[in-house]
């Protein structure tokens, strides 16, 4: 199982959106759609579970990062 942090998932989502139009064969298109769907489902799951990708989630993560870096 691959483990991605939130920023990596956002980067992967961006890469998938940028490469969508480059797929030309049926198999490529289906695999690309499958991967894109899995990334979006994982982002939605995290959003619902932790508040990631919301203003509150981002502020909480920034606060945690500041505390970690200042200690």
PDB file of N, CA and C in Angstrom:
ATOM      1  N   UNK A   1       0.836  -1.179   0.000  1.00  0.00           N
ATOM      2  CA  UNK A   1       0.000   0.000   0.000  1.00  0.00           C
ATOM      3  C   UNK A   1       0.882   1.243   0.000  1.00  0.00           C
ATOM      4  N   UNK A   2       0.570   2.160  -0.861  1.00  0.00           N
ATOM      5  CA  UNK A   2       1.304   3.427  -0.911  1.00  0.00           C
ATOM      6  C   UNK A   2       0.718   4.389   0.104  1.00  0.00           C
ATOM      7  N   UNK A   3       1.577   5.147   0.736  1.00  0.00           N
ATOM      8  CA  UNK A   3       1.146   6.156   1.704  1.00  0.00           C
ATOM      9  C   UNK A   3       1.579   7.523   1.193  1.00  0.00           C
ATOM     10  N   UNK A   4       0.623   8.427   1.070  1.00  0.00           N
ATOM     11  CA  UNK A   4       0.909   9.787   0.634  1.00  0.00           C
ATOM     12  C   UNK A   4       0.455  10.760   1.711  1.00  0.00           C
ATOM     13  N   UNK A   5       1.220  11.846   1.891  1.00  0.00           N
ATOM     14  CA  UNK A   5       0.719  12.897   2.770  1.00  0.00           C
ATOM     15  C   UNK A   5      -0.201  13.793   1.942  1.00  0.00           C
ATOM     16  N   UNK A   6      -0.820  14.760   2.579  1.00  0.00           N
ATOM     17  CA  UNK A   6      -1.817  15.595   1.907  1.00  0.00           C
ATOM     18  C   UNK A   6      -1.240  16.353   0.712  1.00  0.00           C
ATOM     19  N   UNK A   7      -0.049  16.896   0.868  1.00  0.00           N
ATOM     20  CA  UNK A   7       0.565  17.661  -0.209  1.00  0.00           C
ATOM     21  C   UNK A   7       0.885  16.748  -1.388  1.00  0.00           C
ATOM     22  N   UNK A   8       1.360  15.550  -1.103  1.00  0.00           N
ATOM     23  CA  UNK A   8       1.640  14.601  -2.187  1.00  0.00           C
ATOM     24  C   UNK A   8       0.362  14.221  -2.930  1.00  0.00           C
ATOM     25  N   UNK A   9      -0.725  14.030  -2.199  1.00  0.00           N
ATOM     26  CA  UNK A   9      -2.001  13.721  -2.851  1.00  0.00           C
ATOM     27  C   UNK A   9      -2.463  14.870  -3.731  1.00  0.00           C
ATOM     28  N   UNK A  10      -2.310  16.087  -3.250  1.00  0.00           N
ATOM     29  CA  UNK A  10      -2.700  17.252  -4.048  1.00  0.00           C
ATOM     30  C   UNK A  10      -1.838  17.337  -5.310  1.00  0.00           C
ATOM     31  N   UNK A  11      -0.538  17.056  -5.178  1.00  0.00           N
ATOM     32  CA  UNK A  11       0.358  17.070  -6.333  1.00  0.00           C
ATOM     33  C   UNK A  11      -0.032  15.981  -7.323  1.00  0.00           C
ATOM     34  N   UNK A  12      -0.355  14.807  -6.821  1.00  0.00           N
ATOM     35  CA  UNK A  12      -0.773  13.708  -7.682  1.00  0.00           C
ATOM     36  C   UNK A  12      -2.079  14.047  -8.407  1.00  0.00           C
ATOM     37  N   UNK A  13      -3.015  14.659  -7.697  1.00  0.00           N
ATOM     38  CA  UNK A  13      -4.268  15.077  -8.326  1.00  0.00           C
ATOM     39  C   UNK A  13      -3.982  16.077  -9.457  1.00  0.00           C
ATOM     40  N   UNK A  14      -3.089  17.013  -9.211  1.00  0.00           N
ATOM     41  CA  UNK A  14      -2.715  17.990 -10.233  1.00  0.00           C
ATOM     42  C   UNK A  14      -2.081  17.290 -11.441  1.00  0.00           C
ATOM     43  N   UNK A  15      -1.146  16.376 -11.188  1.00  0.00           N
ATOM     44  CA  UNK A  15      -0.496  15.656 -12.290  1.00  0.00           C
ATOM     45  C   UNK A  15      -1.511  14.865 -13.109  1.00  0.00           C
ATOM     46  N   UNK A  16      -2.454  14.245 -12.434  1.00  0.00           N
ATOM     47  CA  UNK A  16      -3.474  13.474 -13.138  1.00  0.00           C
ATOM     48  C   UNK A  16      -4.325  14.393 -14.013  1.00  0.00           C
ATOM     49  N   UNK A  17      -4.657  15.561 -13.515  1.00  0.00           N
ATOM     50  CA  UNK A  17      -5.467  16.487 -14.321  1.00  0.00           C
ATOM     51  C   UNK A  17      -4.684  16.998 -15.531  1.00  0.00           C
ATOM     52  N   UNK A  18      -3.370  17.153 -15.378  1.00  0.00           N
ATOM     53  CA  UNK A  18      -2.548  17.661 -16.468  1.00  0.00           C
ATOM     54  C   UNK A  18      -2.282  16.614 -17.544  1.00  0.00           C
ATOM     55  N   UNK A  19      -2.327  15.335 -17.175  1.00  0.00           N
ATOM     56  CA  UNK A  19      -2.013  14.270 -18.136  1.00  0.00           C
ATOM     57  C   UNK A  19      -3.245  13.606 -18.729  1.00  0.00           C
ATOM     58  N   UNK A  20      -4.421  13.990 -18.286  1.00  0.00           N
ATOM     59  CA  UNK A  20      -5.652  13.343 -18.756  1.00  0.00           C
ATOM     60  C   UNK A  20      -5.759  13.339 -20.272  1.00  0.00           C
ATOM     61  N   UNK A  21      -5.505  14.443 -20.907  1.00  0.00           N
ATOM     62  CA  UNK A  21      -5.655  14.560 -22.353  1.00  0.00           C
ATOM     63  C   UNK A  21      -4.547  13.861 -23.137  1.00  0.00           C
ATOM     64  N   UNK A  22      -3.519  13.370 -22.452  1.00  0.00           N
ATOM     65  CA  UNK A  22      -2.428  12.673 -23.126  1.00  0.00           C
ATOM     66  C   UNK A  22      -2.726  11.194 -23.331  1.00  0.00           C
ATOM     67  N   UNK A  23      -3.765  10.691 -22.700  1.00  0.00           N
ATOM     68  CA  UNK A  23      -4.115   9.281 -22.816  1.00  0.00           C
ATOM     69  C   UNK A  23      -4.821   9.062 -24.155  1.00  0.00           C
ATOM     70  N   UNK A  24      -4.394   8.032 -24.890  1.00  0.00           N
ATOM     71  CA  UNK A  24      -4.971   7.832 -26.218  1.00  0.00           C
ATOM     72  C   UNK A  24      -5.595   6.455 -26.405  1.00  0.00           C
ATOM     73  N   UNK A  25      -5.101   5.459 -25.727  1.00  0.00           N
ATOM     74  CA  UNK A  25      -5.625   4.103 -25.902  1.00  0.00           C
ATOM     75  C   UNK A  25      -6.640   3.807 -24.802  1.00  0.00           C
ATOM     76  N   UNK A  26      -7.578   2.916 -25.108  1.00  0.00           N
ATOM     77  CA  UNK A  26      -8.638   2.584 -24.152  1.00  0.00           C
ATOM     78  C   UNK A  26      -8.132   2.167 -22.793  1.00  0.00           C
ATOM     79  N   UNK A  27      -7.103   1.309 -22.766  1.00  0.00           N
ATOM     80  CA  UNK A  27      -6.542   0.852 -21.495  1.00  0.00           C
ATOM     81  C   UNK A  27      -5.924   1.984 -20.699  1.00  0.00           C
ATOM     82  N   UNK A  28      -5.205   2.858 -21.382  1.00  0.00           N
ATOM     83  CA  UNK A  28      -4.609   4.018 -20.715  1.00  0.00           C
ATOM     84  C   UNK A  28      -5.679   4.905 -20.112  1.00  0.00           C
ATOM     85  N   UNK A  29      -6.717   5.145 -20.889  1.00  0.00           N
ATOM     86  CA  UNK A  29      -7.801   6.020 -20.433  1.00  0.00           C
ATOM     87  C   UNK A  29      -8.480   5.424 -19.204  1.00  0.00           C
ATOM     88  N   UNK A  30      -8.748   4.108 -19.229  1.00  0.00           N
ATOM     89  CA  UNK A  30      -9.410   3.454 -18.087  1.00  0.00           C
ATOM     90  C   UNK A  30      -8.525   3.460 -16.845  1.00  0.00           C
ATOM     91  N   UNK A  31      -7.228   3.162 -17.016  1.00  0.00           N
ATOM     92  CA  UNK A  31      -6.313   3.173 -15.853  1.00  0.00           C
ATOM     93  C   UNK A  31      -6.168   4.578 -15.294  1.00  0.00           C
ATOM     94  N   UNK A  32      -6.055   5.558 -16.163  1.00  0.00           N
ATOM     95  CA  UNK A  32      -5.944   6.948 -15.715  1.00  0.00           C
ATOM     96  C   UNK A  32      -7.190   7.335 -14.921  1.00  0.00           C
ATOM     97  N   UNK A  33      -8.364   6.980 -15.439  1.00  0.00           N
ATOM     98  CA  UNK A  33      -9.616   7.290 -14.738  1.00  0.00           C
ATOM     99  C   UNK A  33      -9.681   6.571 -13.403  1.00  0.00           C
ATOM    100  N   UNK A  34      -9.213   5.326 -13.354  1.00  0.00           N
ATOM    101  CA  UNK A  34      -9.224   4.553 -12.108  1.00  0.00           C
ATOM    102  C   UNK A  34      -8.309   5.178 -11.059  1.00  0.00           C
ATOM    103  N   UNK A  35      -7.110   5.558 -11.474  1.00  0.00           N
ATOM    104  CA  UNK A  35      -6.164   6.186 -10.540  1.00  0.00           C
ATOM    105  C   UNK A  35      -6.717   7.522 -10.057  1.00  0.00           C
ATOM    106  N   UNK A  36      -7.246   8.321 -10.976  1.00  0.00           N
ATOM    107  CA  UNK A  36      -7.812   9.617 -10.618  1.00  0.00           C
ATOM    108  C   UNK A  36      -8.933   9.447  -9.602  1.00  0.00           C
ATOM    109  N   UNK A  37      -9.801   8.467  -9.829  1.00  0.00           N
ATOM    110  CA  UNK A  37     -10.908   8.205  -8.911  1.00  0.00           C
ATOM    111  C   UNK A  37     -10.394   7.820  -7.524  1.00  0.00           C
ATOM    112  N   UNK A  38      -9.374   6.979  -7.465  1.00  0.00           N
ATOM    113  CA  UNK A  38      -8.816   6.555  -6.177  1.00  0.00           C
ATOM    114  C   UNK A  38      -8.190   7.732  -5.427  1.00  0.00           C
ATOM    115  N   UNK A  39      -7.492   8.601  -6.150  1.00  0.00           N
ATOM    116  CA  UNK A  39      -6.893   9.780  -5.516  1.00  0.00           C
ATOM    117  C   UNK A  39      -7.991  10.677  -4.954  1.00  0.00           C
ATOM    118  N   UNK A  40      -9.022  10.921  -5.743  1.00  0.00           N
ATOM    119  CA  UNK A  40     -10.109  11.787  -5.289  1.00  0.00           C
ATOM    120  C   UNK A  40     -10.871  11.166  -4.115  1.00  0.00           C
ATOM    121  N   UNK A  41     -11.065   9.851  -4.133  1.00  0.00           N
ATOM    122  CA  UNK A  41     -11.741   9.187  -3.011  1.00  0.00           C
ATOM    123  C   UNK A  41     -10.912   9.283  -1.737  1.00  0.00           C
ATOM    124  N   UNK A  42      -9.601   9.124  -1.858  1.00  0.00           N
ATOM    125  CA  UNK A  42      -8.731   9.231  -0.681  1.00  0.00           C
ATOM    126  C   UNK A  42      -8.737  10.662  -0.143  1.00  0.00           C
ATOM    127  N   UNK A  43      -8.719  11.637  -1.028  1.00  0.00           N
ATOM    128  CA  UNK A  43      -8.768  13.031  -0.576  1.00  0.00           C
ATOM    129  C   UNK A  43     -10.094  13.315   0.126  1.00  0.00           C
ATOM    130  N   UNK A  44     -11.186  12.798  -0.410  1.00  0.00           N
ATOM    131  CA  UNK A  44     -12.499  12.991   0.209  1.00  0.00           C
ATOM    132  C   UNK A  44     -12.571  12.286   1.567  1.00  0.00           C
ATOM    133  N   UNK A  45     -12.014  11.074   1.630  1.00  0.00           N
ATOM    134  CA  UNK A  45     -12.003  10.331   2.897  1.00  0.00           C
ATOM    135  C   UNK A  45     -11.244  11.105   3.967  1.00  0.00           C
ATOM    136  N   UNK A  46     -10.086  11.633   3.601  1.00  0.00           N
ATOM    137  CA  UNK A  46      -9.292  12.401   4.564  1.00  0.00           C
ATOM    138  C   UNK A  46      -9.999  13.694   4.957  1.00  0.00           C
ATOM    139  N   UNK A  47     -10.629  14.319   3.987  1.00  0.00           N
ATOM    140  CA  UNK A  47     -11.357  15.553   4.276  1.00  0.00           C
ATOM    141  C   UNK A  47     -12.441  15.288   5.310  1.00  0.00           C
ATOM    142  N   UNK A  48     -13.188  14.223   5.129  1.00  0.00           N
ATOM    143  CA  UNK A  48     -14.261  13.887   6.058  1.00  0.00           C
ATOM    144  C   UNK A  48     -13.734  13.418   7.406  1.00  0.00           C
ATOM    145  N   UNK A  49     -12.609  12.708   7.408  1.00  0.00           N
ATOM    146  CA  UNK A  49     -12.075  12.149   8.643  1.00  0.00           C
ATOM    147  C   UNK A  49     -11.279  13.165   9.461  1.00  0.00           C
ATOM    148  N   UNK A  50     -10.541  14.030   8.778  1.00  0.00           N
ATOM    149  CA  UNK A  50      -9.603  14.893   9.497  1.00  0.00           C
ATOM    150  C   UNK A  50      -9.798  16.378   9.233  1.00  0.00           C
ATOM    151  N   UNK A  51     -10.642  16.711   8.291  1.00  0.00           N
ATOM    152  CA  UNK A  51     -10.789  18.117   7.945  1.00  0.00           C
ATOM    153  C   UNK A  51      -9.697  18.615   7.024  1.00  0.00           C
ATOM    154  N   UNK A  52      -8.907  17.676   6.456  1.00  0.00           N
ATOM    155  CA  UNK A  52      -7.863  18.067   5.512  1.00  0.00           C
ATOM    156  C   UNK A  52      -8.517  18.765   4.329  1.00  0.00           C
ATOM    157  N   UNK A  53      -7.780  19.661   3.707  1.00  0.00           N
ATOM    158  CA  UNK A  53      -8.239  20.406   2.531  1.00  0.00           C
ATOM    159  C   UNK A  53      -9.351  21.393   2.856  1.00  0.00           C
ATOM    160  N   UNK A  54      -9.555  21.669   4.136  1.00  0.00           N
ATOM    161  CA  UNK A  54     -10.488  22.715   4.534  1.00  0.00           C
ATOM    162  C   UNK A  54      -9.673  23.816   5.188  1.00  0.00           C
ATOM    163  N   UNK A  55     -10.242  25.001   5.313  1.00  0.00           N
ATOM    164  CA  UNK A  55      -9.529  26.101   5.953  1.00  0.00           C
ATOM    165  C   UNK A  55      -9.101  25.716   7.363  1.00  0.00           C
ATOM    166  N   UNK A  56      -9.995  25.092   8.099  1.00  0.00           N
ATOM    167  CA  UNK A  56      -9.676  24.690   9.469  1.00  0.00           C
ATOM    168  C   UNK A  56      -8.550  23.658   9.499  1.00  0.00           C
ATOM    169  N   UNK A  57      -8.601  22.707   8.564  1.00  0.00           N
ATOM    170  CA  UNK A  57      -7.556  21.679   8.504  1.00  0.00           C
ATOM    171  C   UNK A  57      -6.198  22.264   8.154  1.00  0.00           C
ATOM    172  N   UNK A  58      -6.183  23.185   7.210  1.00  0.00           N
ATOM    173  CA  UNK A  58      -4.930  23.820   6.813  1.00  0.00           C
ATOM    174  C   UNK A  58      -4.367  24.653   7.964  1.00  0.00           C
ATOM    175  N   UNK A  59      -5.211  25.412   8.632  1.00  0.00           N
ATOM    176  CA  UNK A  59      -4.750  26.221   9.766  1.00  0.00           C
ATOM    177  C   UNK A  59      -4.232  25.346  10.893  1.00  0.00           C
ATOM    178  N   UNK A  60      -4.917  24.247  11.151  1.00  0.00           N
ATOM    179  CA  UNK A  60      -4.464  23.320  12.198  1.00  0.00           C
ATOM    180  C   UNK A  60      -3.101  22.745  11.839  1.00  0.00           C
ATOM    181  N   UNK A  61      -2.914  22.348  10.576  1.00  0.00           N
ATOM    182  CA  UNK A  61      -1.629  21.799  10.149  1.00  0.00           C
ATOM    183  C   UNK A  61      -0.528  22.844  10.233  1.00  0.00           C
ATOM    184  N   UNK A  62      -0.815  24.075   9.839  1.00  0.00           N
ATOM    185  CA  UNK A  62       0.175  25.146   9.951  1.00  0.00           C
ATOM    186  C   UNK A  62       0.562  25.392  11.403  1.00  0.00           C
ATOM    187  N   UNK A  63      -0.422  25.393  12.285  1.00  0.00           N
ATOM    188  CA  UNK A  63      -0.156  25.579  13.712  1.00  0.00           C
ATOM    189  C   UNK A  63       0.734  24.472  14.243  1.00  0.00           C
ATOM    190  N   UNK A  64       0.445  23.248  13.869  1.00  0.00           N
ATOM    191  CA  UNK A  64       1.269  22.111  14.301  1.00  0.00           C
ATOM    192  C   UNK A  64       2.687  22.230  13.752  1.00  0.00           C
ATOM    193  N   UNK A  65       2.828  22.639  12.494  1.00  0.00           N
ATOM    194  CA  UNK A  65       4.155  22.797  11.894  1.00  0.00           C
ATOM    195  C   UNK A  65       4.948  23.895  12.599  1.00  0.00           C
ATOM    196  N   UNK A  66       4.298  25.001  12.910  1.00  0.00           N
ATOM    197  CA  UNK A  66       4.971  26.100  13.611  1.00  0.00           C
ATOM    198  C   UNK A  66       5.452  25.645  14.978  1.00  0.00           C
ATOM    199  N   UNK A  67       4.591  24.947  15.716  1.00  0.00           N
ATOM    200  CA  UNK A  67       4.994  24.454  17.036  1.00  0.00           C
ATOM    201  C   UNK A  67       6.162  23.472  16.929  1.00  0.00           C
ATOM    202  N   UNK A  68       6.103  22.589  15.942  1.00  0.00           N
ATOM    203  CA  UNK A  68       7.160  21.593  15.773  1.00  0.00           C
ATOM    204  C   UNK A  68       8.476  22.270  15.413  1.00  0.00           C
ATOM    205  N   UNK A  69       8.437  23.270  14.533  1.00  0.00           N
ATOM    206  CA  UNK A  69       9.662  23.948  14.102  1.00  0.00           C
ATOM    207  C   UNK A  69      10.231  24.885  15.154  1.00  0.00           C
ATOM    208  N   UNK A  70       9.388  25.403  16.029  1.00  0.00           N
ATOM    209  CA  UNK A  70       9.875  26.353  17.036  1.00  0.00           C
ATOM    210  C   UNK A  70      10.383  25.673  18.304  1.00  0.00           C
ATOM    211  N   UNK A  71      10.173  24.391  18.426  1.00  0.00           N
ATOM    212  CA  UNK A  71      10.660  23.708  19.652  1.00  0.00           C
ATOM    213  C   UNK A  71      12.007  23.073  19.443  1.00  0.00           C
TER     214      UNK A  71
END
